[in-house]
PDB file of N, CA and C in Angstrom:
ATOM      1  N   MET A   1     105.739  67.295  87.555  1.00  0.00           N
ATOM      2  CA  MET A   1     105.002  68.060  87.625  1.00  0.00           C
ATOM      3  C   MET A   1     103.708  67.185  88.583  1.00  0.00           C
ATOM      4  N   ASN A   2     103.267  67.836  90.341  1.00  0.00           N
ATOM      5  CA  ASN A   2     102.310  66.574  90.387  1.00  0.00           C
ATOM      6  C   ASN A   2     101.137  66.789  89.866  1.00  0.00           C
ATOM      7  N   THR A   3     100.362  65.756  89.187  1.00  0.00           N
ATOM      8  CA  THR A   3      99.191  65.654  88.385  1.00  0.00           C
ATOM      9  C   THR A   3      97.782  65.791  89.394  1.00  0.00           C
ATOM     10  N   GLU A   4      98.706  64.688  90.871  1.00  0.00           N
ATOM     11  CA  GLU A   4      97.251  64.991  91.792  1.00  0.00           C
ATOM     12  C   GLU A   4      96.626  66.093  91.895  1.00  0.00           C
ATOM     13  N   ILE A   5      97.463  67.077  92.725  1.00  0.00           N
ATOM     14  CA  ILE A   5      97.060  68.392  92.788  1.00  0.00           C
ATOM     15  C   ILE A   5      96.450  69.226  91.822  1.00  0.00           C
ATOM     16  N   ILE A   6      96.507  69.083  90.375  1.00  0.00           N
ATOM     17  CA  ILE A   6      96.029  69.955  89.342  1.00  0.00           C
ATOM     18  C   ILE A   6      94.595  69.450  89.028  1.00  0.00           C
ATOM     19  N   SER A   7      94.611  67.812  89.407  1.00  0.00           N
ATOM     20  CA  SER A   7      93.281  67.140  89.007  1.00  0.00           C
ATOM     21  C   SER A   7      92.623  67.498  89.112  1.00  0.00           C
ATOM     22  N   GLU A   8      92.573  68.610  90.315  1.00  0.00           N
ATOM     23  CA  GLU A   8      91.330  69.247  91.216  1.00  0.00           C
ATOM     24  C   GLU A   8      91.125  70.026  90.628  1.00  0.00           C
ATOM     25  N   PHE A   9      91.865  71.179  89.357  1.00  0.00           N
ATOM     26  CA  PHE A   9      91.063  72.029  89.073  1.00  0.00           C
ATOM     27  C   PHE A   9      90.402  71.930  88.218  1.00  0.00           C
ATOM     28  N   PRO A  10      89.436  72.199  87.363  1.00  0.00           N
ATOM     29  CA  PRO A  10      88.583  72.769  86.023  1.00  0.00           C
ATOM     30  C   PRO A  10      89.630  72.973  84.859  1.00  0.00           C
ATOM     31  N   ASP A  11      89.563  72.537  84.457  1.00  0.00           N
ATOM     32  CA  ASP A  11      90.085  72.606  82.910  1.00  0.00           C
ATOM     33  C   ASP A  11      91.431  72.256  82.715  1.00  0.00           C
ATOM     34  N   LYS A  12      91.540  71.529  84.037  1.00  0.00           N
ATOM     35  CA  LYS A  12      92.983  70.771  83.665  1.00  0.00           C
ATOM     36  C   LYS A  12      93.825  69.852  82.726  1.00  0.00           C
ATOM     37  N   GLU A  13      92.664  69.364  81.956  1.00  0.00           N
ATOM     38  CA  GLU A  13      93.823  69.148  80.705  1.00  0.00           C
ATOM     39  C   GLU A  13      94.685  70.090  80.247  1.00  0.00           C
ATOM     40  N   LYS A  14      93.716  71.438  79.998  1.00  0.00           N
ATOM     41  CA  LYS A  14      93.739  72.512  79.357  1.00  0.00           C
ATOM     42  C   LYS A  14      95.757  73.479  80.369  1.00  0.00           C
ATOM     43  N   ARG A  15      95.048  73.547  81.459  1.00  0.00           N
ATOM     44  CA  ARG A  15      96.198  74.469  81.974  1.00  0.00           C
ATOM     45  C   ARG A  15      97.405  73.152  81.948  1.00  0.00           C
ATOM     46  N   GLN A  16      97.441  71.788  81.959  1.00  0.00           N
ATOM     47  CA  GLN A  16      98.260  70.646  81.865  1.00  0.00           C
ATOM     48  C   GLN A  16      99.432  71.514  80.356  1.00  0.00           C
ATOM     49  N   LYS A  17      98.481  71.108  79.355  1.00  0.00           N
ATOM     50  CA  LYS A  17      98.780  71.026  77.806  1.00  0.00           C
ATOM     51  C   LYS A  17      99.984  72.571  78.039  1.00  0.00           C
ATOM     52  N   ASP A  18      99.059  74.036  78.479  1.00  0.00           N
ATOM     53  CA  ASP A  18      99.882  74.848  78.178  1.00  0.00           C
ATOM     54  C   ASP A  18     100.608  75.188  78.800  1.00  0.00           C
ATOM     55  N   PHE A  19     101.183  74.351  80.336  1.00  0.00           N
ATOM     56  CA  PHE A  19     102.343  74.687  80.683  1.00  0.00           C
ATOM     57  C   PHE A  19     102.876  73.814  81.350  1.00  0.00           C
ATOM     58  N   ASN A  20     104.311  73.411  81.549  1.00  0.00           N
ATOM     59  CA  ASN A  20     104.993  72.335  81.732  1.00  0.00           C
ATOM     60  C   ASN A  20     105.883  72.442  83.121  1.00  0.00           C
ATOM     61  N   CYS A  21     104.977  73.251  83.962  1.00  0.00           N
ATOM     62  CA  CYS A  21     106.068  73.987  85.032  1.00  0.00           C
ATOM     63  C   CYS A  21     104.896  74.453  85.652  1.00  0.00           C
ATOM     64  N   SER A  22     105.791  74.153  86.755  1.00  0.00           N
ATOM     65  CA  SER A  22     104.738  74.723  88.175  1.00  0.00           C
ATOM     66  C   SER A  22     104.105  76.510  87.720  1.00  0.00           C
ATOM     67  N   ILE A  23     104.933  76.746  87.560  1.00  0.00           N
ATOM     68  CA  ILE A  23     104.397  78.377  88.078  1.00  0.00           C
ATOM     69  C   ILE A  23     103.725  79.137  86.755  1.00  0.00           C
ATOM     70  N   GLY A  24     103.945  77.880  85.226  1.00  0.00           N
ATOM     71  CA  GLY A  24     102.838  78.226  84.298  1.00  0.00           C
ATOM     72  C   GLY A  24     101.692  78.260  85.441  1.00  0.00           C
ATOM     73  N   PHE A  25     101.397  77.072  85.977  1.00  0.00           N
ATOM     74  CA  PHE A  25     100.054  75.983  86.245  1.00  0.00           C
ATOM     75  C   PHE A  25      99.698  77.211  87.022  1.00  0.00           C
ATOM     76  N   ALA A  26     100.719  77.529  88.909  1.00  0.00           N
ATOM     77  CA  ALA A  26      99.797  78.887  89.504  1.00  0.00           C
ATOM     78  C   ALA A  26      99.274  80.164  88.753  1.00  0.00           C
ATOM     79  N   MET A  27     100.230  80.332  87.356  1.00  0.00           N
ATOM     80  CA  MET A  27      99.526  81.922  87.351  1.00  0.00           C
ATOM     81  C   MET A  27      98.390  81.652  86.507  1.00  0.00           C
ATOM     82  N   THR A  28      97.776  80.649  85.629  1.00  0.00           N
ATOM     83  CA  THR A  28      96.850  80.083  85.482  1.00  0.00           C
ATOM     84  C   THR A  28      95.548  80.053  86.452  1.00  0.00           C
ATOM     85  N   VAL A  29      95.758  80.125  87.806  1.00  0.00           N
ATOM     86  CA  VAL A  29      95.317  79.451  89.039  1.00  0.00           C
ATOM     87  C   VAL A  29      94.895  80.916  89.066  1.00  0.00           C
ATOM     88  N   ILE A  30      95.900  82.237  89.905  1.00  0.00           N
ATOM     89  CA  ILE A  30      96.194  83.339  89.733  1.00  0.00           C
ATOM     90  C   ILE A  30      96.803  84.952  89.519  1.00  0.00           C
ATOM     91  N   GLY A  31      96.634  83.853  87.664  1.00  0.00           N
ATOM     92  CA  GLY A  31      97.356  85.204  87.110  1.00  0.00           C
ATOM     93  C   GLY A  31      96.484  85.703  86.450  1.00  0.00           C
ATOM     94  N   SER A  32      94.828  86.089  86.074  1.00  0.00           N
ATOM     95  CA  SER A  32      94.211  86.766  85.337  1.00  0.00           C
ATOM     96  C   SER A  32      94.182  88.935  86.207  1.00  0.00           C
ATOM     97  N   LYS A  33      93.771  89.287  85.252  1.00  0.00           N
ATOM     98  CA  LYS A  33      94.020  90.970  85.342  1.00  0.00           C
ATOM     99  C   LYS A  33      94.312  91.647  86.931  1.00  0.00           C
ATOM    100  N   TRP A  34      92.364  90.604  87.759  1.00  0.00           N
ATOM    101  CA  TRP A  34      91.545  90.924  88.263  1.00  0.00           C
ATOM    102  C   TRP A  34      91.715  89.740  89.613  1.00  0.00           C
ATOM    103  N   ARG A  35      91.990  88.771  89.179  1.00  0.00           N
ATOM    104  CA  ARG A  35      92.439  86.519  89.848  1.00  0.00           C
ATOM    105  C   ARG A  35      92.385  87.489  91.347  1.00  0.00           C
ATOM    106  N   ALA A  36      94.266  87.852  90.867  1.00  0.00           N
ATOM    107  CA  ALA A  36      94.776  88.260  92.595  1.00  0.00           C
ATOM    108  C   ALA A  36      94.234  89.390  93.229  1.00  0.00           C
ATOM    109  N   ILE A  37      94.038  90.226  92.920  1.00  0.00           N
ATOM    110  CA  ILE A  37      93.076  90.984  93.662  1.00  0.00           C
ATOM    111  C   ILE A  37      91.771  91.100  94.293  1.00  0.00           C
ATOM    112  N   ILE A  38      91.790  90.165  93.958  1.00  0.00           N
ATOM    113  CA  ILE A  38      89.756  89.446  94.331  1.00  0.00           C
ATOM    114  C   ILE A  38      90.462  88.878  95.665  1.00  0.00           C
ATOM    115  N   LEU A  39      90.966  87.864  95.409  1.00  0.00           N
ATOM    116  CA  LEU A  39      91.709  86.917  96.854  1.00  0.00           C
ATOM    117  C   LEU A  39      91.900  87.514  97.225  1.00  0.00           C
ATOM    118  N   TRP A  40      93.199  88.969  97.021  1.00  0.00           N
ATOM    119  CA  TRP A  40      94.075  89.214  98.149  1.00  0.00           C
ATOM    120  C   TRP A  40      92.586  90.235  98.856  1.00  0.00           C
ATOM    121  N   HIS A  41      91.708  91.045  98.357  1.00  0.00           N
ATOM    122  CA  HIS A  41      90.763  91.242  99.270  1.00  0.00           C
ATOM    123  C   HIS A  41      89.356  90.347  99.720  1.00  0.00           C
ATOM    124  N   ILE A  42      89.789  88.837  99.729  1.00  0.00           N
ATOM    125  CA  ILE A  42      89.160  87.859 100.295  1.00  0.00           C
ATOM    126  C   ILE A  42      89.300  87.339 101.548  1.00  0.00           C
ATOM    127  N   LEU A  43      91.005  87.288 101.150  1.00  0.00           N
ATOM    128  CA  LEU A  43      91.736  86.710 102.416  1.00  0.00           C
ATOM    129  C   LEU A  43      91.861  87.796 103.187  1.00  0.00           C
ATOM    130  N   LYS A  44      92.351  89.230 103.124  1.00  0.00           N
ATOM    131  CA  LYS A  44      92.572  90.032 104.153  1.00  0.00           C
ATOM    132  C   LYS A  44      91.880  91.072 104.673  1.00  0.00           C
ATOM    133  N   ASN A  45      89.848  90.449 104.251  1.00  0.00           N
ATOM    134  CA  ASN A  45      88.712  90.935 105.000  1.00  0.00           C
ATOM    135  C   ASN A  45      87.656  89.319 104.810  1.00  0.00           C
ATOM    136  N   SER A  46      88.098  88.320 105.316  1.00  0.00           N
ATOM    137  CA  SER A  46      86.549  86.872 105.644  1.00  0.00           C
ATOM    138  C   SER A  46      85.547  87.853 106.410  1.00  0.00           C
ATOM    139  N   HIS A  47      84.771  87.455 105.165  1.00  0.00           N
ATOM    140  CA  HIS A  47      82.957  87.451 105.765  1.00  0.00           C
ATOM    141  C   HIS A  47      83.018  88.269 104.617  1.00  0.00           C
ATOM    142  N   ILE A  48      83.677  88.577 104.179  1.00  0.00           N
ATOM    143  CA  ILE A  48      83.174  89.603 102.545  1.00  0.00           C
ATOM    144  C   ILE A  48      81.753  89.806 101.725  1.00  0.00           C
ATOM    145  N   ARG A  49      81.600  90.877 101.445  1.00  0.00           N
ATOM    146  CA  ARG A  49      80.029  90.800 101.055  1.00  0.00           C
ATOM    147  C   ARG A  49      80.693  91.422  99.184  1.00  0.00           C
ATOM    148  N   TYR A  50      79.653  91.289  98.478  1.00  0.00           N
ATOM    149  CA  TYR A  50      79.965  91.240  97.027  1.00  0.00           C
ATOM    150  C   TYR A  50      80.086  92.832  97.122  1.00  0.00           C
ATOM    151  N   GLY A  51      79.182  93.742  97.700  1.00  0.00           N
ATOM    152  CA  GLY A  51      79.323  95.232  97.573  1.00  0.00           C
ATOM    153  C   GLY A  51      80.450  95.629  97.919  1.00  0.00           C
ATOM    154  N   GLU A  52      81.065  95.018  98.949  1.00  0.00           N
ATOM    155  CA  GLU A  52      82.525  95.788  99.418  1.00  0.00           C
ATOM    156  C   GLU A  52      83.549  95.338  98.842  1.00  0.00           C
ATOM    157  N   LEU A  53      83.536  94.223  97.895  1.00  0.00           N
ATOM    158  CA  LEU A  53      84.667  93.901  97.147  1.00  0.00           C
ATOM    159  C   LEU A  53      84.342  95.182  95.607  1.00  0.00           C
ATOM    160  N   LYS A  54      83.063  95.449  95.768  1.00  0.00           N
ATOM    161  CA  LYS A  54      83.552  96.381  94.222  1.00  0.00           C
ATOM    162  C   LYS A  54      83.766  97.647  94.631  1.00  0.00           C
ATOM    163  N   LYS A  55      83.517  98.305  95.765  1.00  0.00           N
ATOM    164  CA  LYS A  55      84.390  99.771  96.756  1.00  0.00           C
ATOM    165  C   LYS A  55      85.658  99.563  96.514  1.00  0.00           C
ATOM    166  N   GLY A  56      85.734  98.262  97.370  1.00  0.00           N
ATOM    167  CA  GLY A  56      87.939  97.330  96.952  1.00  0.00           C
ATOM    168  C   GLY A  56      88.207  97.610  95.923  1.00  0.00           C
ATOM    169  N   ILE A  57      87.509  97.281  94.902  1.00  0.00           N
ATOM    170  CA  ILE A  57      87.639  97.359  93.457  1.00  0.00           C
ATOM    171  C   ILE A  57      87.519  98.031  92.763  1.00  0.00           C
ATOM    172  N   PRO A  58      87.465  99.712  92.401  1.00  0.00           N
ATOM    173  CA  PRO A  58      86.291 100.613  91.736  1.00  0.00           C
ATOM    174  C   PRO A  58      86.918 100.208  90.296  1.00  0.00           C
ATOM    175  N   ASN A  59      87.796 100.073  89.679  1.00  0.00           N
ATOM    176  CA  ASN A  59      87.809  99.891  88.824  1.00  0.00           C
ATOM    177  C   ASN A  59      87.137  98.545  87.704  1.00  0.00           C
ATOM    178  N   ILE A  60      86.916  97.886  88.588  1.00  0.00           N
ATOM    179  CA  ILE A  60      86.652  96.398  88.085  1.00  0.00           C
ATOM    180  C   ILE A  60      84.527  96.646  87.585  1.00  0.00           C
ATOM    181  N   SER A  61      84.689  96.144  86.395  1.00  0.00           N
ATOM    182  CA  SER A  61      82.978  95.865  85.979  1.00  0.00           C
ATOM    183  C   SER A  61      82.074  95.040  86.991  1.00  0.00           C
ATOM    184  N   HIS A  62      80.683  95.590  87.729  1.00  0.00           N
ATOM    185  CA  HIS A  62      80.193  94.167  87.668  1.00  0.00           C
ATOM    186  C   HIS A  62      80.223  92.639  87.088  1.00  0.00           C
ATOM    187  N   LYS A  63      80.172  92.234  85.842  1.00  0.00           N
ATOM    188  CA  LYS A  63      80.060  91.394  85.119  1.00  0.00           C
ATOM    189  C   LYS A  63      82.031  90.858  85.230  1.00  0.00           C
ATOM    190  N   VAL A  64      82.890  91.404  84.898  1.00  0.00           N
ATOM    191  CA  VAL A  64      83.950  90.839  85.694  1.00  0.00           C
ATOM    192  C   VAL A  64      84.139  89.959  86.829  1.00  0.00           C
ATOM    193  N   LEU A  65      83.739  90.898  87.579  1.00  0.00           N
ATOM    194  CA  LEU A  65      83.809  91.063  89.229  1.00  0.00           C
ATOM    195  C   LEU A  65      83.150  89.526  89.302  1.00  0.00           C
ATOM    196  N   ALA A  66      81.894  89.524  88.762  1.00  0.00           N
ATOM    197  CA  ALA A  66      80.779  88.223  89.341  1.00  0.00           C
ATOM    198  C   ALA A  66      81.823  86.847  88.779  1.00  0.00           C
ATOM    199  N   GLU A  67      82.118  87.265  87.253  1.00  0.00           N
ATOM    200  CA  GLU A  67      83.093  86.636  86.915  1.00  0.00           C
ATOM    201  C   GLU A  67      83.827  85.400  87.169  1.00  0.00           C
ATOM    202  N   GLU A  68      84.984  86.298  87.532  1.00  0.00           N
ATOM    203  CA  GLU A  68      86.345  86.070  88.452  1.00  0.00           C
ATOM    204  C   GLU A  68      85.818  84.955  89.415  1.00  0.00           C
ATOM    205  N   LEU A  69      84.721  85.907  90.829  1.00  0.00           N
ATOM    206  CA  LEU A  69      84.692  85.148  91.502  1.00  0.00           C
ATOM    207  C   LEU A  69      83.500  83.586  91.409  1.00  0.00           C
ATOM    208  N   LYS A  70      83.201  83.761  89.920  1.00  0.00           N
ATOM    209  CA  LYS A  70      82.908  82.216  89.544  1.00  0.00           C
ATOM    210  C   LYS A  70      84.327  81.199  90.018  1.00  0.00           C
ATOM    211  N   LYS A  71      84.917  82.384  89.236  1.00  0.00           N
ATOM    212  CA  LYS A  71      86.200  81.274  88.740  1.00  0.00           C
ATOM    213  C   LYS A  71      86.586  80.436  89.830  1.00  0.00           C
ATOM    214  N   LEU A  72      86.804  81.839  91.237  1.00  0.00           N
ATOM    215  CA  LEU A  72      88.124  81.763  92.226  1.00  0.00           C
ATOM    216  C   LEU A  72      86.634  80.517  93.239  1.00  0.00           C
ATOM    217  N   GLU A  73      85.789  80.340  92.882  1.00  0.00           N
ATOM    218  CA  GLU A  73      85.375  79.115  93.637  1.00  0.00           C
ATOM    219  C   GLU A  73      85.072  78.445  93.333  1.00  0.00           C
ATOM    220  N   ALA A  74      85.342  78.323  91.695  1.00  0.00           N
ATOM    221  CA  ALA A  74      85.109  77.059  91.304  1.00  0.00           C
ATOM    222  C   ALA A  74      86.875  76.326  91.347  1.00  0.00           C
ATOM    223  N   ASP A  75      87.386  77.131  91.055  1.00  0.00           N
ATOM    224  CA  ASP A  75      89.342  76.588  91.693  1.00  0.00           C
ATOM    225  C   ASP A  75      89.186  76.291  93.383  1.00  0.00           C
ATOM    226  N   SER A  76      88.071  76.335  93.788  1.00  0.00           N
ATOM    227  CA  SER A  76      88.265  76.126  95.152  1.00  0.00           C
ATOM    228  C   SER A  76      88.880  77.424  96.506  1.00  0.00           C
ATOM    229  N   LEU A  77      88.790  78.689  95.861  1.00  0.00           N
ATOM    230  CA  LEU A  77      90.267  79.411  95.989  1.00  0.00           C
ATOM    231  C   LEU A  77      89.110  79.978  97.218  1.00  0.00           C
ATOM    232  N   ILE A  78      88.031  79.864  97.068  1.00  0.00           N
ATOM    233  CA  ILE A  78      86.857  81.041  98.145  1.00  0.00           C
ATOM    234  C   ILE A  78      85.637  80.025  98.102  1.00  0.00           C
ATOM    235  N   THR A  79      84.770  80.853  99.309  1.00  0.00           N
ATOM    236  CA  THR A  79      83.750  79.768  99.472  1.00  0.00           C
ATOM    237  C   THR A  79      82.175  81.033  99.391  1.00  0.00           C
ATOM    238  N   ARG A  80      81.384  80.599  98.591  1.00  0.00           N
ATOM    239  CA  ARG A  80      80.413  81.604  98.512  1.00  0.00           C
ATOM    240  C   ARG A  80      79.408  81.735  99.542  1.00  0.00           C
ATOM    241  N   LYS A  81      78.402  81.958 100.260  1.00  0.00           N
ATOM    242  CA  LYS A  81      77.256  81.562 101.115  1.00  0.00           C
ATOM    243  C   LYS A  81      76.500  82.788 100.764  1.00  0.00           C
ATOM    244  N   SER A  82      75.141  82.071 100.525  1.00  0.00           N
ATOM    245  CA  SER A  82      74.199  83.528 100.622  1.00  0.00           C
ATOM    246  C   SER A  82      73.311  82.828 101.243  1.00  0.00           C
ATOM    247  N   TYR A  83      72.813  83.783 101.795  1.00  0.00           N
ATOM    248  CA  TYR A  83      71.878  83.688 103.064  1.00  0.00           C
ATOM    249  C   TYR A  83      69.881  84.368 102.684  1.00  0.00           C
ATOM    250  N   PRO A  84      69.637  83.827 102.994  1.00  0.00           N
ATOM    251  CA  PRO A  84      67.670  84.060 102.939  1.00  0.00           C
ATOM    252  C   PRO A  84      66.720  85.038 102.879  1.00  0.00           C
ATOM    253  N   GLU A  85      67.666  86.314 102.759  1.00  0.00           N
ATOM    254  CA  GLU A  85      67.171  87.630 103.067  1.00  0.00           C
ATOM    255  C   GLU A  85      67.194  88.656 101.475  1.00  0.00           C
ATOM    256  N   ILE A  86      65.697  89.100 101.917  1.00  0.00           N
ATOM    257  CA  ILE A  86      65.729  90.326 101.013  1.00  0.00           C
ATOM    258  C   ILE A  86      65.787  91.678 101.683  1.00  0.00           C
ATOM    259  N   PRO A  87      66.815  92.678 101.220  1.00  0.00           N
ATOM    260  CA  PRO A  87      68.420  92.049  99.772  1.00  0.00           C
ATOM    261  C   PRO A  87      68.716  90.707 100.043  1.00  0.00           C
ATOM    262  N   PRO A  88      68.648  90.297  99.247  1.00  0.00           N
ATOM    263  CA  PRO A  88      70.089  89.009  99.566  1.00  0.00           C
ATOM    264  C   PRO A  88      71.111  89.589  99.497  1.00  0.00           C
ATOM    265  N   LYS A  89      72.027  88.670 100.477  1.00  0.00           N
ATOM    266  CA  LYS A  89      73.476  89.001 101.164  1.00  0.00           C
ATOM    267  C   LYS A  89      73.751  87.479 100.581  1.00  0.00           C
ATOM    268  N   VAL A  90      75.104  87.906 100.481  1.00  0.00           N
ATOM    269  CA  VAL A  90      76.336  87.292  99.976  1.00  0.00           C
ATOM    270  C   VAL A  90      77.382  87.307 100.126  1.00  0.00           C
ATOM    271  N   GLU A  91      78.072  86.557 101.450  1.00  0.00           N
ATOM    272  CA  GLU A  91      79.506  86.249 101.755  1.00  0.00           C
ATOM    273  C   GLU A  91      80.464  85.557 101.187  1.00  0.00           C
ATOM    274  N   TYR A  92      81.737  85.836 100.876  1.00  0.00           N
ATOM    275  CA  TYR A  92      82.719  85.807 100.075  1.00  0.00           C
ATOM    276  C   TYR A  92      83.893  85.382 101.099  1.00  0.00           C
ATOM    277  N   ASN A  93      84.323  84.221 101.519  1.00  0.00           N
ATOM    278  CA  ASN A  93      85.575  83.744 102.322  1.00  0.00           C
ATOM    279  C   ASN A  93      86.776  82.721 101.728  1.00  0.00           C
ATOM    280  N   PRO A  94      87.577  82.710 101.907  1.00  0.00           N
ATOM    281  CA  PRO A  94      88.686  82.068 101.559  1.00  0.00           C
ATOM    282  C   PRO A  94      88.767  80.325 102.501  1.00  0.00           C
ATOM    283  N   THR A  95      88.734  79.426 100.966  1.00  0.00           N
ATOM    284  CA  THR A  95      89.442  78.002 101.886  1.00  0.00           C
ATOM    285  C   THR A  95      90.509  78.378 102.876  1.00  0.00           C
ATOM    286  N   SER A  96      90.345  76.627 102.918  1.00  0.00           N
ATOM    287  CA  SER A  96      92.102  76.843 102.687  1.00  0.00           C
ATOM    288  C   SER A  96      93.371  76.894 101.773  1.00  0.00           C
ATOM    289  N   ARG A  97      92.653  76.311 100.315  1.00  0.00           N
ATOM    290  CA  ARG A  97      93.403  75.995  99.295  1.00  0.00           C
ATOM    291  C   ARG A  97      93.796  77.483  99.046  1.00  0.00           C
ATOM    292  N   GLY A  98      92.558  78.442  99.777  1.00  0.00           N
ATOM    293  CA  GLY A  98      92.758  80.221  99.306  1.00  0.00           C
ATOM    294  C   GLY A  98      93.826  80.231 100.262  1.00  0.00           C
ATOM    295  N   GLN A  99      93.886  79.728 101.452  1.00  0.00           N
ATOM    296  CA  GLN A  99      94.445  80.634 102.372  1.00  0.00           C
ATOM    297  C   GLN A  99      95.822  80.864 101.979  1.00  0.00           C
ATOM    298  N   SER A 100      96.666  79.539 101.514  1.00  0.00           N
ATOM    299  CA  SER A 100      97.398  78.851 101.159  1.00  0.00           C
ATOM    300  C   SER A 100      98.111  79.720 100.642  1.00  0.00           C
ATOM    301  N   LEU A 101      97.876  80.443  99.450  1.00  0.00           N
ATOM    302  CA  LEU A 101      98.138  81.436  98.399  1.00  0.00           C
ATOM    303  C   LEU A 101      98.300  82.926  98.881  1.00  0.00           C
ATOM    304  N   TYR A 102      97.879  83.556 100.944  1.00  0.00           N
ATOM    305  CA  TYR A 102      98.644  84.249 101.428  1.00  0.00           C
ATOM    306  C   TYR A 102      99.607  84.787 101.253  1.00  0.00           C
ATOM    307  N   LYS A 103     100.891  83.896 101.803  1.00  0.00           N
ATOM    308  CA  LYS A 103     102.148  84.204 102.086  1.00  0.00           C
ATOM    309  C   LYS A 103     102.534  84.675 100.132  1.00  0.00           C
ATOM    310  N   VAL A 104     102.107  84.104  99.304  1.00  0.00           N
ATOM    311  CA  VAL A 104     102.671  84.686  97.971  1.00  0.00           C
ATOM    312  C   VAL A 104     102.367  85.645  97.504  1.00  0.00           C
ATOM    313  N   LEU A 105     101.325  86.022  98.096  1.00  0.00           N
ATOM    314  CA  LEU A 105      99.797  87.295  97.294  1.00  0.00           C
ATOM    315  C   LEU A 105     100.476  88.880  98.198  1.00  0.00           C
ATOM    316  N   ASN A 106     100.286  87.692  99.059  1.00  0.00           N
ATOM    317  CA  ASN A 106     101.376  89.011 100.859  1.00  0.00           C
ATOM    318  C   ASN A 106     102.986  89.453  99.656  1.00  0.00           C
ATOM    319  N   GLU A 107     103.466  88.696  99.579  1.00  0.00           N
ATOM    320  CA  GLU A 107     104.998  89.035  99.024  1.00  0.00           C
ATOM    321  C   GLU A 107     104.661  89.735  97.572  1.00  0.00           C
ATOM    322  N   LEU A 108     103.962  89.643  96.829  1.00  0.00           N
ATOM    323  CA  LEU A 108     104.425  90.284  95.572  1.00  0.00           C
ATOM    324  C   LEU A 108     103.317  91.855  96.032  1.00  0.00           C
ATOM    325  N   CYS A 109     102.841  91.645  97.153  1.00  0.00           N
ATOM    326  CA  CYS A 109     102.551  93.055  97.773  1.00  0.00           C
ATOM    327  C   CYS A 109     103.335  93.769  97.659  1.00  0.00           C
ATOM    328  N   ILE A 110     104.523  93.471  98.438  1.00  0.00           N
ATOM    329  CA  ILE A 110     104.826  94.282  99.366  1.00  0.00           C
ATOM    330  C   ILE A 110     106.089  94.764  98.507  1.00  0.00           C
ATOM    331  N   TRP A 111     106.277  93.477  97.231  1.00  0.00           N
ATOM    332  CA  TRP A 111     107.350  93.871  95.553  1.00  0.00           C
ATOM    333  C   TRP A 111     106.841  94.655  95.221  1.00  0.00           C
ATOM    334  N   GLY A 112     105.452  95.029  94.846  1.00  0.00           N
ATOM    335  CA  GLY A 112     104.680  96.009  94.594  1.00  0.00           C
ATOM    336  C   GLY A 112     104.630  97.661  94.624  1.00  0.00           C
ATOM    337  N   LYS A 113     104.356  97.448  96.524  1.00  0.00           N
ATOM    338  CA  LYS A 113     104.810  98.148  97.049  1.00  0.00           C
ATOM    339  C   LYS A 113     105.984  99.875  96.995  1.00  0.00           C
ATOM    340  N   GLU A 114     107.478  98.254  96.929  1.00  0.00           N
ATOM    341  CA  GLU A 114     108.519  98.467  96.507  1.00  0.00           C
ATOM    342  C   GLU A 114     109.039  99.113  95.499  1.00  0.00           C
ATOM    343  N   HIS A 115     108.160  98.492  93.647  1.00  0.00           N
ATOM    344  CA  HIS A 115     108.903  99.088  92.518  1.00  0.00           C
ATOM    345  C   HIS A 115     107.957  99.776  91.765  1.00  0.00           C
ATOM    346  N   MET A 116     106.616 100.361  92.459  1.00  0.00           N
ATOM    347  CA  MET A 116     105.754 100.848  92.186  1.00  0.00           C
ATOM    348  C   MET A 116     106.064 102.359  91.570  1.00  0.00           C
ATOM    349  N   ASN A 117     105.938 103.067  92.211  1.00  0.00           N
ATOM    350  CA  ASN A 117     106.679 104.384  92.119  1.00  0.00           C
ATOM    351  C   ASN A 117     108.584 104.453  91.468  1.00  0.00           C
TER     352      ASN A 117
END
C-alpha cells in the first residue's frame, strides 16, 4: 500500500491499522452513509452553497451535513470558501483530489440505477 498518499489524510494511523488493502482505505475516505452522496452533489454542482446541498439531500440532518462537510474538507476532497456578507455565504468546491473520485462515484451511481429496483 502506498503510505505516502495515506499520510496526507487525517487519522492515517487508524486507517492503516484498520485496513491493509487499498479498497478498505478508500472506503474510509468516501464510505460513510452520506459522504459519497455529499461529494457527488459537490462534484456535479461546483460552487454549491450549504442550502443547495441541504435541498439536494433532504433526509440528512443539519448536524450530520455540517460534520461530513468538515471531514471532506479535512481530507482535502473539498474546499470551503466563506464570504464576509450578511447573511453569511459559504460555497463548497471539489479539490483536484475530490475530482479524482468522479469516475468512481459516477460508476457507483450507474450501478445503483441499474440495481435499485
